[in-house]
Amino acid sequence: AQTLAGAGQADGIVMGPVNSEAMATGGTLGVLMNSKPGERLLTVFSGALRVTHIFDHVYLRDVCAQLTAPLVTQSIRLTHEVLTGWGVASPRIGVAGLNPHAHGPEEDAAIAPGVAAARAQGLDATGPISPDTVFRHCIEGRYDVVVAMCHDQGHIAMKTWGFEGNCGGFIGMPYLFMTVGHGTAFDIAGKGIASPAMILSALRQCAYFAAGRGFLPAPA
């Protein structure tokens, strides 16, 4: 699939559920995200809530140590450029703080100046916004996407708001790449009770993005 997409013979890839233990055993875990910080960002989608993560599977202590203003600016710019290319006109980007009420050394040294630099480049970015409210603001339509600092910050909000039917994608890849928001669920395999909602959402969102039609419309 990667070969086809890389050669321009496929408009996008949708990856089904994966088992992290099996991938680790096979030596393929982390291959997709084997990049420098800010080059490829995981973005998850569930209705009105869309979240890009600057850091994915990174220890919290390392998030604090590695977060810089240029990285914040780069992540905002990448989010803007990719979403614009996928048909989201003038995306409004809310940027989460890292500490309670967005007050702390990371906000002062990295997030606030990173957002200011992005705004100076003409990007519609706002932040740092208190991480306990910014996701609700996105759901209510104030922003089109939230740039979160780390994995659990964005994933907890996403999986609490709309776990059923959510999907994800990697931005910054050389081709459109979407996936589901869950694993292989071997505990229910073969029982006929697994929901197809997430793989259907990933397929539909991939098709919408490939056609330049932006986000999926809200369910009727």
N, C-alpha and C. Protein backbone atom coordinates (compact mmCIF):
# COMPACT_ATOMS: atom_id res chain seq x y z
N ALA A 1 0.83 -1.20 0.00
CA ALA A 1 0.00 0.00 0.00
C ALA A 1 0.87 1.26 0.00
N GLN A 2 1.94 1.23 0.81
CA GLN A 2 2.83 2.39 0.84
C GLN A 2 3.52 2.61 -0.50
N THR A 3 3.88 1.52 -1.16
CA THR A 3 4.52 1.63 -2.47
C THR A 3 3.57 2.25 -3.48
N LEU A 4 2.32 1.80 -3.48
CA LEU A 4 1.33 2.34 -4.41
C LEU A 4 1.07 3.82 -4.16
N ALA A 5 0.88 4.17 -2.88
CA ALA A 5 0.60 5.56 -2.55
C ALA A 5 1.80 6.45 -2.83
N GLY A 6 2.99 5.94 -2.53
CA GLY A 6 4.20 6.72 -2.79
C GLY A 6 4.43 6.97 -4.27
N ALA A 7 3.94 6.06 -5.10
CA ALA A 7 4.09 6.21 -6.56
C ALA A 7 2.93 6.98 -7.17
N GLY A 8 1.98 7.44 -6.34
CA GLY A 8 0.85 8.19 -6.85
C GLY A 8 -0.23 7.34 -7.48
N GLN A 9 -0.17 6.02 -7.29
CA GLN A 9 -1.18 5.13 -7.86
C GLN A 9 -2.38 4.92 -6.94
N ALA A 10 -2.29 5.44 -5.73
CA ALA A 10 -3.41 5.41 -4.80
C ALA A 10 -3.52 6.78 -4.16
N ASP A 11 -4.74 7.26 -3.97
CA ASP A 11 -4.95 8.58 -3.40
C ASP A 11 -4.75 8.60 -1.89
N GLY A 12 -4.84 7.44 -1.25
CA GLY A 12 -4.67 7.38 0.19
C GLY A 12 -4.64 5.95 0.68
N ILE A 13 -4.25 5.80 1.93
CA ILE A 13 -4.19 4.49 2.58
C ILE A 13 -5.05 4.53 3.83
N VAL A 14 -5.80 3.46 4.08
CA VAL A 14 -6.51 3.29 5.35
C VAL A 14 -5.98 2.02 5.99
N MET A 15 -5.38 2.16 7.17
CA MET A 15 -4.84 1.01 7.89
C MET A 15 -5.87 0.49 8.89
N GLY A 16 -6.08 -0.81 8.88
CA GLY A 16 -7.01 -1.43 9.82
C GLY A 16 -6.41 -1.53 11.21
N PRO A 17 -7.11 -2.18 12.12
CA PRO A 17 -6.61 -2.33 13.50
C PRO A 17 -5.28 -3.07 13.52
N VAL A 18 -4.40 -2.64 14.42
CA VAL A 18 -3.10 -3.30 14.55
C VAL A 18 -2.91 -3.76 15.99
N ASN A 19 -2.06 -4.74 16.14
CA ASN A 19 -1.72 -5.26 17.47
C ASN A 19 -0.30 -4.83 17.78
N SER A 20 -0.14 -3.96 18.78
CA SER A 20 1.17 -3.38 19.06
C SER A 20 2.19 -4.43 19.48
N GLU A 21 1.74 -5.47 20.21
CA GLU A 21 2.67 -6.52 20.63
C GLU A 21 3.21 -7.28 19.43
N ALA A 22 2.31 -7.59 18.47
CA ALA A 22 2.74 -8.31 17.27
C ALA A 22 3.69 -7.45 16.44
N MET A 23 3.38 -6.14 16.33
CA MET A 23 4.25 -5.26 15.55
C MET A 23 5.62 -5.12 16.20
N ALA A 24 5.63 -5.05 17.53
CA ALA A 24 6.92 -4.96 18.24
C ALA A 24 7.74 -6.21 18.01
N THR A 25 7.08 -7.38 18.06
CA THR A 25 7.77 -8.65 17.82
C THR A 25 8.34 -8.70 16.40
N GLY A 26 7.59 -8.15 15.44
CA GLY A 26 8.04 -8.14 14.06
C GLY A 26 8.99 -7.02 13.72
N GLY A 27 9.26 -6.14 14.69
CA GLY A 27 10.20 -5.06 14.45
C GLY A 27 9.65 -3.92 13.63
N THR A 28 8.31 -3.79 13.54
CA THR A 28 7.72 -2.74 12.73
C THR A 28 7.03 -1.66 13.55
N LEU A 29 6.95 -1.82 14.86
CA LEU A 29 6.29 -0.82 15.69
C LEU A 29 7.08 0.49 15.66
N GLY A 30 6.40 1.57 15.34
CA GLY A 30 7.05 2.87 15.30
C GLY A 30 7.66 3.23 13.96
N VAL A 31 7.56 2.34 12.98
CA VAL A 31 8.16 2.63 11.68
C VAL A 31 7.51 3.86 11.04
N LEU A 32 6.18 3.95 11.12
CA LEU A 32 5.48 5.07 10.50
C LEU A 32 5.87 6.40 11.12
N MET A 33 6.09 6.39 12.42
CA MET A 33 6.39 7.64 13.12
C MET A 33 7.89 7.82 13.36
N ASN A 34 8.70 7.10 12.61
CA ASN A 34 10.15 7.23 12.75
C ASN A 34 10.61 8.52 12.06
N SER A 35 10.44 9.61 12.78
CA SER A 35 10.74 10.91 12.20
C SER A 35 11.14 11.86 13.32
N LYS A 36 11.62 13.03 12.94
CA LYS A 36 11.97 14.04 13.92
C LYS A 36 10.70 14.70 14.46
N PRO A 37 10.73 15.22 15.69
CA PRO A 37 9.56 15.91 16.24
C PRO A 37 9.07 17.00 15.30
N GLY A 38 7.76 17.03 15.08
CA GLY A 38 7.17 18.05 14.24
C GLY A 38 7.06 17.70 12.78
N GLU A 39 7.67 16.58 12.35
CA GLU A 39 7.62 16.22 10.93
C GLU A 39 6.36 15.44 10.58
N ARG A 40 5.92 14.57 11.49
CA ARG A 40 4.70 13.79 11.29
C ARG A 40 3.89 13.86 12.58
N LEU A 41 2.64 14.25 12.46
CA LEU A 41 1.81 14.43 13.64
C LEU A 41 0.55 13.58 13.52
N LEU A 42 0.23 12.88 14.59
CA LEU A 42 -1.01 12.11 14.62
C LEU A 42 -2.17 13.05 14.88
N THR A 43 -3.19 12.97 14.05
CA THR A 43 -4.40 13.75 14.22
C THR A 43 -5.59 12.79 14.33
N VAL A 44 -6.46 13.03 15.29
CA VAL A 44 -7.64 12.18 15.47
C VAL A 44 -8.89 13.02 15.24
N PHE A 45 -9.92 12.36 14.72
CA PHE A 45 -11.14 13.03 14.31
C PHE A 45 -12.35 12.31 14.88
N SER A 46 -13.27 13.07 15.46
CA SER A 46 -14.54 12.51 15.89
C SER A 46 -15.58 13.61 15.86
N GLY A 47 -16.33 13.69 14.77
CA GLY A 47 -17.33 14.74 14.64
C GLY A 47 -16.69 16.11 14.69
N ALA A 48 -17.16 16.95 15.60
CA ALA A 48 -16.69 18.32 15.68
C ALA A 48 -15.33 18.45 16.36
N LEU A 49 -14.85 17.38 16.98
CA LEU A 49 -13.56 17.45 17.68
C LEU A 49 -12.47 16.82 16.83
N ARG A 50 -11.44 17.63 16.56
CA ARG A 50 -10.27 17.15 15.81
C ARG A 50 -9.04 17.62 16.57
N VAL A 51 -8.09 16.72 16.78
CA VAL A 51 -6.94 17.02 17.63
C VAL A 51 -5.65 16.54 16.98
N THR A 52 -4.72 17.45 16.81
CA THR A 52 -3.37 17.12 16.38
C THR A 52 -2.46 17.08 17.60
N HIS A 53 -1.54 16.10 17.63
CA HIS A 53 -0.66 15.94 18.78
C HIS A 53 0.78 16.25 18.39
N ILE A 54 1.41 17.17 19.13
CA ILE A 54 2.81 17.46 18.86
C ILE A 54 3.68 16.26 19.24
N PHE A 55 3.42 15.67 20.40
CA PHE A 55 4.12 14.46 20.83
C PHE A 55 3.11 13.34 20.96
N ASP A 56 3.47 12.14 20.48
CA ASP A 56 2.57 11.00 20.56
C ASP A 56 3.03 10.08 21.69
N HIS A 57 3.72 9.02 21.40
CA HIS A 57 4.14 8.07 22.44
C HIS A 57 5.47 8.53 23.05
N VAL A 58 5.38 9.56 23.87
CA VAL A 58 6.55 10.17 24.51
C VAL A 58 6.25 10.35 25.99
N TYR A 59 7.22 10.04 26.84
CA TYR A 59 7.04 10.24 28.27
C TYR A 59 6.76 11.71 28.56
N LEU A 60 5.92 11.96 29.56
CA LEU A 60 5.56 13.33 29.90
C LEU A 60 6.78 14.17 30.26
N ARG A 61 7.73 13.56 30.96
CA ARG A 61 8.93 14.32 31.34
C ARG A 61 9.70 14.75 30.10
N ASP A 62 9.65 13.94 29.04
CA ASP A 62 10.36 14.28 27.81
C ASP A 62 9.60 15.33 27.00
N VAL A 63 8.27 15.34 27.15
CA VAL A 63 7.49 16.41 26.52
C VAL A 63 7.95 17.76 27.06
N CYS A 64 8.06 17.86 28.38
CA CYS A 64 8.50 19.10 29.00
C CYS A 64 9.92 19.47 28.55
N ALA A 65 10.77 18.48 28.42
CA ALA A 65 12.17 18.74 28.07
C ALA A 65 12.35 19.11 26.60
N GLN A 66 11.50 18.56 25.72
CA GLN A 66 11.71 18.71 24.28
C GLN A 66 10.84 19.78 23.64
N LEU A 67 9.87 20.31 24.37
CA LEU A 67 8.95 21.29 23.80
C LEU A 67 9.66 22.63 23.62
N THR A 68 9.60 23.16 22.39
CA THR A 68 10.24 24.44 22.08
C THR A 68 9.28 25.30 21.27
N ALA A 69 9.54 26.59 21.24
CA ALA A 69 8.71 27.50 20.46
C ALA A 69 8.74 27.17 18.96
N PRO A 70 9.92 26.91 18.36
CA PRO A 70 9.92 26.54 16.94
C PRO A 70 9.12 25.26 16.65
N LEU A 71 9.15 24.31 17.58
CA LEU A 71 8.38 23.08 17.37
C LEU A 71 6.88 23.36 17.40
N VAL A 72 6.45 24.22 18.31
CA VAL A 72 5.04 24.59 18.36
C VAL A 72 4.63 25.29 17.07
N THR A 73 5.44 26.23 16.62
CA THR A 73 5.14 26.95 15.38
C THR A 73 5.10 25.99 14.19
N GLN A 74 6.07 25.11 14.11
CA GLN A 74 6.12 24.14 13.01
C GLN A 74 4.89 23.24 13.01
N SER A 75 4.45 22.82 14.18
CA SER A 75 3.28 21.94 14.28
C SER A 75 2.01 22.67 13.86
N ILE A 76 1.88 23.92 14.26
CA ILE A 76 0.72 24.71 13.84
C ILE A 76 0.73 24.90 12.33
N ARG A 77 1.89 25.24 11.79
CA ARG A 77 1.99 25.48 10.35
C ARG A 77 1.69 24.20 9.56
N LEU A 78 2.23 23.06 10.01
CA LEU A 78 1.97 21.80 9.33
C LEU A 78 0.48 21.46 9.37
N THR A 79 -0.15 21.65 10.53
CA THR A 79 -1.58 21.40 10.65
C THR A 79 -2.37 22.28 9.67
N HIS A 80 -2.01 23.55 9.62
CA HIS A 80 -2.69 24.48 8.71
C HIS A 80 -2.51 24.06 7.25
N GLU A 81 -1.28 23.78 6.86
CA GLU A 81 -1.00 23.47 5.46
C GLU A 81 -1.69 22.19 5.01
N VAL A 82 -1.64 21.15 5.85
CA VAL A 82 -2.23 19.87 5.46
C VAL A 82 -3.75 19.97 5.40
N LEU A 83 -4.36 20.58 6.40
CA LEU A 83 -5.82 20.70 6.39
C LEU A 83 -6.30 21.56 5.23
N THR A 84 -5.56 22.61 4.92
CA THR A 84 -5.93 23.45 3.77
C THR A 84 -5.87 22.64 2.49
N GLY A 85 -4.83 21.82 2.35
CA GLY A 85 -4.72 20.97 1.17
C GLY A 85 -5.80 19.92 1.08
N TRP A 86 -6.37 19.55 2.22
CA TRP A 86 -7.45 18.57 2.24
C TRP A 86 -8.83 19.19 2.10
N GLY A 87 -8.88 20.51 1.91
CA GLY A 87 -10.17 21.14 1.66
C GLY A 87 -10.78 21.88 2.82
N VAL A 88 -10.02 22.11 3.90
CA VAL A 88 -10.52 22.88 5.04
C VAL A 88 -10.03 24.32 4.85
N ALA A 89 -10.92 25.20 4.44
CA ALA A 89 -10.53 26.58 4.14
C ALA A 89 -10.23 27.34 5.43
N SER A 90 -9.08 27.99 5.47
CA SER A 90 -8.68 28.86 6.59
C SER A 90 -8.93 28.22 7.95
N PRO A 91 -8.29 27.09 8.23
CA PRO A 91 -8.56 26.40 9.50
C PRO A 91 -8.24 27.27 10.72
N ARG A 92 -9.17 27.26 11.67
CA ARG A 92 -8.99 27.97 12.94
C ARG A 92 -8.40 26.98 13.94
N ILE A 93 -7.24 27.32 14.46
CA ILE A 93 -6.47 26.38 15.27
C ILE A 93 -6.39 26.87 16.71
N GLY A 94 -6.92 26.07 17.63
CA GLY A 94 -6.76 26.35 19.05
C GLY A 94 -5.58 25.55 19.58
N VAL A 95 -4.73 26.18 20.36
CA VAL A 95 -3.53 25.52 20.86
C VAL A 95 -3.64 25.34 22.37
N ALA A 96 -3.56 24.09 22.80
CA ALA A 96 -3.70 23.77 24.22
C ALA A 96 -2.45 24.14 24.99
N GLY A 97 -2.65 24.60 26.23
CA GLY A 97 -1.54 24.70 27.15
C GLY A 97 -1.17 23.32 27.65
N LEU A 98 -0.14 23.25 28.46
CA LEU A 98 0.29 21.97 29.02
C LEU A 98 -0.03 21.86 30.50
N ASN A 99 0.04 22.98 31.20
CA ASN A 99 -0.17 23.00 32.64
C ASN A 99 -1.59 23.48 32.98
N PRO A 100 -2.04 23.26 34.23
CA PRO A 100 -3.36 23.73 34.63
C PRO A 100 -3.56 25.21 34.31
N HIS A 101 -4.69 25.50 33.65
CA HIS A 101 -5.06 26.87 33.28
C HIS A 101 -4.04 27.52 32.35
N ALA A 102 -3.20 26.71 31.72
CA ALA A 102 -2.20 27.19 30.75
C ALA A 102 -1.24 28.19 31.36
N HIS A 103 -0.90 27.98 32.62
CA HIS A 103 0.07 28.83 33.30
C HIS A 103 1.24 27.98 33.78
N GLY A 104 2.41 28.20 33.19
CA GLY A 104 3.58 27.43 33.61
C GLY A 104 4.78 27.76 32.75
N PRO A 105 5.91 27.17 33.07
CA PRO A 105 7.14 27.48 32.32
C PRO A 105 7.08 27.07 30.86
N GLU A 106 6.38 25.97 30.56
CA GLU A 106 6.29 25.54 29.16
C GLU A 106 5.48 26.52 28.33
N GLU A 107 4.42 27.06 28.92
CA GLU A 107 3.63 28.07 28.22
C GLU A 107 4.46 29.32 27.94
N ASP A 108 5.21 29.77 28.97
CA ASP A 108 5.99 31.00 28.83
C ASP A 108 7.14 30.84 27.85
N ALA A 109 7.82 29.70 27.91
CA ALA A 109 9.04 29.54 27.12
C ALA A 109 8.80 29.00 25.72
N ALA A 110 7.73 28.22 25.53
CA ALA A 110 7.55 27.52 24.25
C ALA A 110 6.20 27.79 23.59
N ILE A 111 5.11 27.56 24.31
CA ILE A 111 3.80 27.56 23.65
C ILE A 111 3.37 28.96 23.23
N ALA A 112 3.41 29.92 24.16
CA ALA A 112 2.98 31.28 23.83
C ALA A 112 3.84 31.90 22.72
N PRO A 113 5.16 31.84 22.81
CA PRO A 113 5.95 32.41 21.70
C PRO A 113 5.80 31.63 20.40
N GLY A 114 5.55 30.31 20.50
CA GLY A 114 5.33 29.53 19.29
C GLY A 114 4.05 29.92 18.58
N VAL A 115 3.00 30.17 19.37
CA VAL A 115 1.73 30.63 18.79
C VAL A 115 1.89 32.03 18.20
N ALA A 116 2.59 32.90 18.91
CA ALA A 116 2.80 34.26 18.41
C ALA A 116 3.54 34.25 17.08
N ALA A 117 4.54 33.39 16.94
CA ALA A 117 5.27 33.30 15.69
C ALA A 117 4.38 32.78 14.56
N ALA A 118 3.49 31.83 14.88
CA ALA A 118 2.57 31.31 13.87
C ALA A 118 1.60 32.40 13.41
N ARG A 119 1.11 33.18 14.35
CA ARG A 119 0.21 34.28 14.00
C ARG A 119 0.92 35.31 13.14
N ALA A 120 2.20 35.55 13.44
CA ALA A 120 2.97 36.49 12.64
C ALA A 120 3.14 36.02 11.20
N GLN A 121 3.02 34.71 10.99
CA GLN A 121 3.09 34.13 9.65
C GLN A 121 1.73 34.11 8.96
N GLY A 122 0.71 34.67 9.62
CA GLY A 122 -0.61 34.75 9.03
C GLY A 122 -1.53 33.58 9.32
N LEU A 123 -1.15 32.71 10.27
CA LEU A 123 -1.96 31.54 10.59
C LEU A 123 -2.97 31.90 11.68
N ASP A 124 -4.15 31.35 11.57
CA ASP A 124 -5.23 31.62 12.54
C ASP A 124 -5.07 30.68 13.72
N ALA A 125 -4.17 31.03 14.63
CA ALA A 125 -3.88 30.20 15.80
C ALA A 125 -4.12 31.02 17.06
N THR A 126 -4.70 30.36 18.06
CA THR A 126 -5.00 31.01 19.33
C THR A 126 -4.49 30.14 20.47
N GLY A 127 -3.79 30.74 21.42
CA GLY A 127 -3.33 29.97 22.56
C GLY A 127 -2.12 30.60 23.23
N PRO A 128 -1.65 29.98 24.28
CA PRO A 128 -2.15 28.71 24.85
C PRO A 128 -3.48 28.90 25.58
N ILE A 129 -4.36 27.92 25.40
CA ILE A 129 -5.68 27.92 26.02
C ILE A 129 -5.69 26.83 27.09
N SER A 130 -6.37 27.10 28.18
CA SER A 130 -6.43 26.13 29.27
C SER A 130 -6.82 24.75 28.73
N PRO A 131 -6.01 23.72 28.99
CA PRO A 131 -6.29 22.40 28.41
C PRO A 131 -7.57 21.75 28.93
N ASP A 132 -8.17 22.28 29.99
CA ASP A 132 -9.42 21.70 30.46
C ASP A 132 -10.64 22.31 29.78
N THR A 133 -10.43 23.30 28.88
CA THR A 133 -11.56 23.91 28.17
C THR A 133 -11.41 23.94 26.66
N VAL A 134 -10.18 23.86 26.14
CA VAL A 134 -9.97 24.07 24.71
C VAL A 134 -10.68 23.03 23.85
N PHE A 135 -10.79 21.80 24.34
CA PHE A 135 -11.44 20.76 23.54
C PHE A 135 -12.94 21.00 23.45
N ARG A 136 -13.52 21.49 24.53
CA ARG A 136 -14.94 21.84 24.50
C ARG A 136 -15.17 22.99 23.52
N HIS A 137 -14.25 23.95 23.49
CA HIS A 137 -14.38 25.05 22.55
C HIS A 137 -14.41 24.54 21.11
N CYS A 138 -13.60 23.55 20.82
CA CYS A 138 -13.59 22.97 19.46
C CYS A 138 -14.92 22.28 19.17
N ILE A 139 -15.41 21.52 20.11
CA ILE A 139 -16.69 20.83 19.92
C ILE A 139 -17.81 21.83 19.65
N GLU A 140 -17.74 22.98 20.31
CA GLU A 140 -18.77 24.00 20.16
C GLU A 140 -18.58 24.85 18.90
N GLY A 141 -17.51 24.60 18.14
CA GLY A 141 -17.34 25.28 16.87
C GLY A 141 -16.46 26.51 16.89
N ARG A 142 -15.79 26.79 17.99
CA ARG A 142 -14.92 27.96 18.05
C ARG A 142 -13.65 27.73 17.26
N TYR A 143 -13.20 26.49 17.20
CA TYR A 143 -12.00 26.13 16.44
C TYR A 143 -12.31 24.94 15.54
N ASP A 144 -11.53 24.78 14.48
CA ASP A 144 -11.67 23.63 13.60
C ASP A 144 -10.83 22.46 14.07
N VAL A 145 -9.75 22.74 14.80
CA VAL A 145 -8.84 21.70 15.26
C VAL A 145 -8.08 22.24 16.46
N VAL A 146 -7.69 21.34 17.34
CA VAL A 146 -6.87 21.70 18.49
C VAL A 146 -5.49 21.08 18.31
N VAL A 147 -4.46 21.86 18.54
CA VAL A 147 -3.09 21.33 18.61
C VAL A 147 -2.82 21.04 20.07
N ALA A 148 -2.74 19.75 20.42
CA ALA A 148 -2.46 19.32 21.79
C ALA A 148 -0.97 19.05 21.94
N MET A 149 -0.50 19.09 23.17
CA MET A 149 0.93 18.92 23.40
C MET A 149 1.36 17.47 23.41
N CYS A 150 0.48 16.55 23.86
CA CYS A 150 0.92 15.17 24.04
C CYS A 150 -0.24 14.20 23.87
N HIS A 151 0.10 12.93 23.83
CA HIS A 151 -0.83 11.84 23.54
C HIS A 151 -2.06 11.84 24.44
N ASP A 152 -1.87 11.70 25.74
CA ASP A 152 -3.03 11.54 26.61
C ASP A 152 -3.87 12.79 26.68
N GLN A 153 -3.26 13.95 26.56
CA GLN A 153 -4.02 15.19 26.60
C GLN A 153 -5.11 15.19 25.52
N GLY A 154 -4.74 14.82 24.32
CA GLY A 154 -5.71 14.80 23.23
C GLY A 154 -6.56 13.56 23.19
N HIS A 155 -5.96 12.41 23.49
CA HIS A 155 -6.69 11.15 23.38
C HIS A 155 -7.76 11.00 24.46
N ILE A 156 -7.50 11.48 25.66
CA ILE A 156 -8.52 11.39 26.70
C ILE A 156 -9.74 12.21 26.30
N ALA A 157 -9.50 13.40 25.79
CA ALA A 157 -10.62 14.23 25.33
C ALA A 157 -11.38 13.55 24.20
N MET A 158 -10.65 13.01 23.23
CA MET A 158 -11.28 12.39 22.08
C MET A 158 -12.09 11.16 22.47
N LYS A 159 -11.50 10.29 23.27
CA LYS A 159 -12.17 9.03 23.58
C LYS A 159 -13.28 9.20 24.60
N THR A 160 -13.28 10.32 25.30
CA THR A 160 -14.40 10.62 26.18
C THR A 160 -15.54 11.25 25.39
N TRP A 161 -15.20 12.14 24.47
CA TRP A 161 -16.21 12.85 23.69
C TRP A 161 -16.90 11.93 22.69
N GLY A 162 -16.15 11.19 21.89
CA GLY A 162 -16.77 10.42 20.82
C GLY A 162 -15.91 9.25 20.39
N PHE A 163 -15.81 8.23 21.25
CA PHE A 163 -14.97 7.08 20.92
C PHE A 163 -15.52 6.31 19.72
N GLU A 164 -16.81 6.05 19.73
CA GLU A 164 -17.43 5.28 18.64
C GLU A 164 -17.40 6.09 17.36
N GLY A 165 -16.77 5.56 16.34
CA GLY A 165 -16.76 6.22 15.04
C GLY A 165 -15.60 7.18 14.82
N ASN A 166 -14.69 7.29 15.80
CA ASN A 166 -13.56 8.20 15.55
C ASN A 166 -12.53 7.53 14.64
N CYS A 167 -11.65 8.32 14.08
CA CYS A 167 -10.58 7.79 13.23
C CYS A 167 -9.37 8.70 13.38
N GLY A 168 -8.27 8.29 12.82
CA GLY A 168 -7.05 9.07 12.94
C GLY A 168 -6.29 9.12 11.64
N GLY A 169 -5.33 10.01 11.58
CA GLY A 169 -4.50 10.11 10.40
C GLY A 169 -3.17 10.75 10.75
N PHE A 170 -2.14 10.45 9.97
CA PHE A 170 -0.83 11.04 10.17
C PHE A 170 -0.64 12.17 9.17
N ILE A 171 -0.45 13.37 9.66
CA ILE A 171 -0.17 14.49 8.76
C ILE A 171 1.34 14.67 8.67
N GLY A 172 1.78 15.09 7.50
CA GLY A 172 3.21 15.21 7.24
C GLY A 172 3.77 14.00 6.52
N MET A 173 2.93 13.02 6.24
CA MET A 173 3.35 11.88 5.44
C MET A 173 3.41 12.30 3.97
N PRO A 174 4.13 11.57 3.14
CA PRO A 174 4.17 11.91 1.71
C PRO A 174 2.89 11.53 0.98
N TYR A 175 1.94 10.94 1.68
CA TYR A 175 0.65 10.58 1.09
C TYR A 175 -0.38 10.58 2.21
N LEU A 176 -1.65 10.55 1.83
CA LEU A 176 -2.75 10.55 2.78
C LEU A 176 -2.82 9.20 3.48
N PHE A 177 -2.78 9.24 4.81
CA PHE A 177 -2.74 7.99 5.58
C PHE A 177 -3.72 8.09 6.73
N MET A 178 -4.74 7.25 6.72
CA MET A 178 -5.76 7.23 7.77
C MET A 178 -5.76 5.87 8.47
N THR A 179 -6.27 5.85 9.69
CA THR A 179 -6.34 4.60 10.44
C THR A 179 -7.49 4.66 11.43
N VAL A 180 -7.69 3.57 12.14
CA VAL A 180 -8.77 3.50 13.13
C VAL A 180 -8.22 3.84 14.52
N GLY A 181 -9.13 4.08 15.46
CA GLY A 181 -8.72 4.49 16.79
C GLY A 181 -8.73 3.37 17.80
N HIS A 182 -8.53 2.14 17.36
CA HIS A 182 -8.55 1.01 18.29
C HIS A 182 -7.65 -0.10 17.77
N GLY A 183 -7.46 -1.11 18.60
CA GLY A 183 -6.60 -2.23 18.24
C GLY A 183 -7.39 -3.41 17.70
N THR A 184 -6.77 -4.58 17.75
CA THR A 184 -7.35 -5.77 17.11
C THR A 184 -8.47 -6.42 17.91
N ALA A 185 -8.58 -6.14 19.19
CA ALA A 185 -9.67 -6.67 20.04
C ALA A 185 -9.82 -8.18 19.88
N PHE A 186 -8.74 -8.91 20.10
CA PHE A 186 -8.79 -10.36 19.96
C PHE A 186 -9.79 -11.00 20.93
N ASP A 187 -10.13 -10.29 22.01
CA ASP A 187 -11.05 -10.86 22.99
C ASP A 187 -12.46 -11.03 22.44
N ILE A 188 -12.81 -10.27 21.38
CA ILE A 188 -14.15 -10.43 20.80
C ILE A 188 -14.08 -10.93 19.36
N ALA A 189 -12.90 -11.32 18.89
CA ALA A 189 -12.77 -11.80 17.51
C ALA A 189 -13.62 -13.03 17.28
N GLY A 190 -14.31 -13.06 16.16
CA GLY A 190 -15.12 -14.21 15.78
C GLY A 190 -16.49 -14.28 16.42
N LYS A 191 -16.83 -13.30 17.25
CA LYS A 191 -18.12 -13.32 17.93
C LYS A 191 -19.21 -12.54 17.19
N GLY A 192 -18.83 -11.83 16.14
CA GLY A 192 -19.82 -11.09 15.37
C GLY A 192 -20.37 -9.86 16.07
N ILE A 193 -19.62 -9.32 17.04
CA ILE A 193 -20.12 -8.16 17.78
C ILE A 193 -19.24 -6.93 17.61
N ALA A 194 -18.17 -7.04 16.86
CA ALA A 194 -17.29 -5.89 16.66
C ALA A 194 -18.00 -4.83 15.82
N SER A 195 -17.79 -3.57 16.17
CA SER A 195 -18.43 -2.47 15.43
C SER A 195 -17.56 -2.06 14.24
N PRO A 196 -18.18 -1.85 13.07
CA PRO A 196 -17.43 -1.38 11.91
C PRO A 196 -17.36 0.14 11.84
N ALA A 197 -17.85 0.85 12.86
CA ALA A 197 -18.01 2.30 12.78
C ALA A 197 -16.69 3.02 12.52
N MET A 198 -15.62 2.58 13.17
CA MET A 198 -14.37 3.32 13.04
C MET A 198 -13.71 3.10 11.68
N ILE A 199 -13.70 1.87 11.19
CA ILE A 199 -13.09 1.64 9.88
C ILE A 199 -13.91 2.32 8.79
N LEU A 200 -15.24 2.36 8.96
CA LEU A 200 -16.09 3.08 8.00
C LEU A 200 -15.78 4.57 8.04
N SER A 201 -15.63 5.12 9.23
CA SER A 201 -15.30 6.54 9.36
C SER A 201 -13.95 6.85 8.73
N ALA A 202 -12.95 5.98 8.96
CA ALA A 202 -11.63 6.19 8.37
C ALA A 202 -11.68 6.14 6.84
N LEU A 203 -12.45 5.20 6.30
CA LEU A 203 -12.58 5.10 4.84
C LEU A 203 -13.25 6.34 4.26
N ARG A 204 -14.33 6.78 4.91
CA ARG A 204 -15.07 7.94 4.41
C ARG A 204 -14.24 9.21 4.54
N GLN A 205 -13.56 9.37 5.68
CA GLN A 205 -12.76 10.58 5.85
C GLN A 205 -11.59 10.61 4.89
N CYS A 206 -10.99 9.46 4.63
CA CYS A 206 -9.91 9.39 3.66
C CYS A 206 -10.40 9.81 2.27
N ALA A 207 -11.59 9.35 1.91
CA ALA A 207 -12.16 9.71 0.61
C ALA A 207 -12.47 11.20 0.53
N TYR A 208 -13.01 11.77 1.60
CA TYR A 208 -13.30 13.20 1.63
C TYR A 208 -12.02 14.02 1.50
N PHE A 209 -11.00 13.66 2.25
CA PHE A 209 -9.74 14.39 2.19
C PHE A 209 -9.10 14.26 0.81
N ALA A 210 -9.11 13.05 0.25
CA ALA A 210 -8.49 12.83 -1.06
C ALA A 210 -9.17 13.66 -2.14
N ALA A 211 -10.47 13.89 -1.97
CA ALA A 211 -11.23 14.68 -2.94
C ALA A 211 -11.19 16.17 -2.63
N GLY A 212 -10.49 16.55 -1.55
CA GLY A 212 -10.42 17.96 -1.18
C GLY A 212 -11.71 18.50 -0.62
N ARG A 213 -12.49 17.63 0.02
CA ARG A 213 -13.81 18.04 0.53
C ARG A 213 -13.80 18.33 2.03
N GLY A 214 -12.65 18.26 2.67
CA GLY A 214 -12.56 18.62 4.07
C GLY A 214 -13.11 17.57 5.01
N PHE A 215 -13.59 18.02 6.17
CA PHE A 215 -14.07 17.10 7.20
C PHE A 215 -15.39 16.46 6.78
N LEU A 216 -15.62 15.27 7.34
CA LEU A 216 -16.91 14.63 7.14
C LEU A 216 -18.02 15.51 7.68
N PRO A 217 -19.18 15.53 7.01
CA PRO A 217 -20.30 16.30 7.56
C PRO A 217 -20.81 15.67 8.84
N ALA A 218 -21.40 16.48 9.70
CA ALA A 218 -21.94 15.98 10.97
C ALA A 218 -23.07 15.02 10.67
N PRO A 219 -23.22 13.94 11.48
CA PRO A 219 -24.32 13.00 11.28
C PRO A 219 -25.67 13.70 11.33
N ALA A 220 -26.58 13.24 10.51
CA ALA A 220 -27.92 13.86 10.47
C ALA A 220 -28.67 13.54 11.75
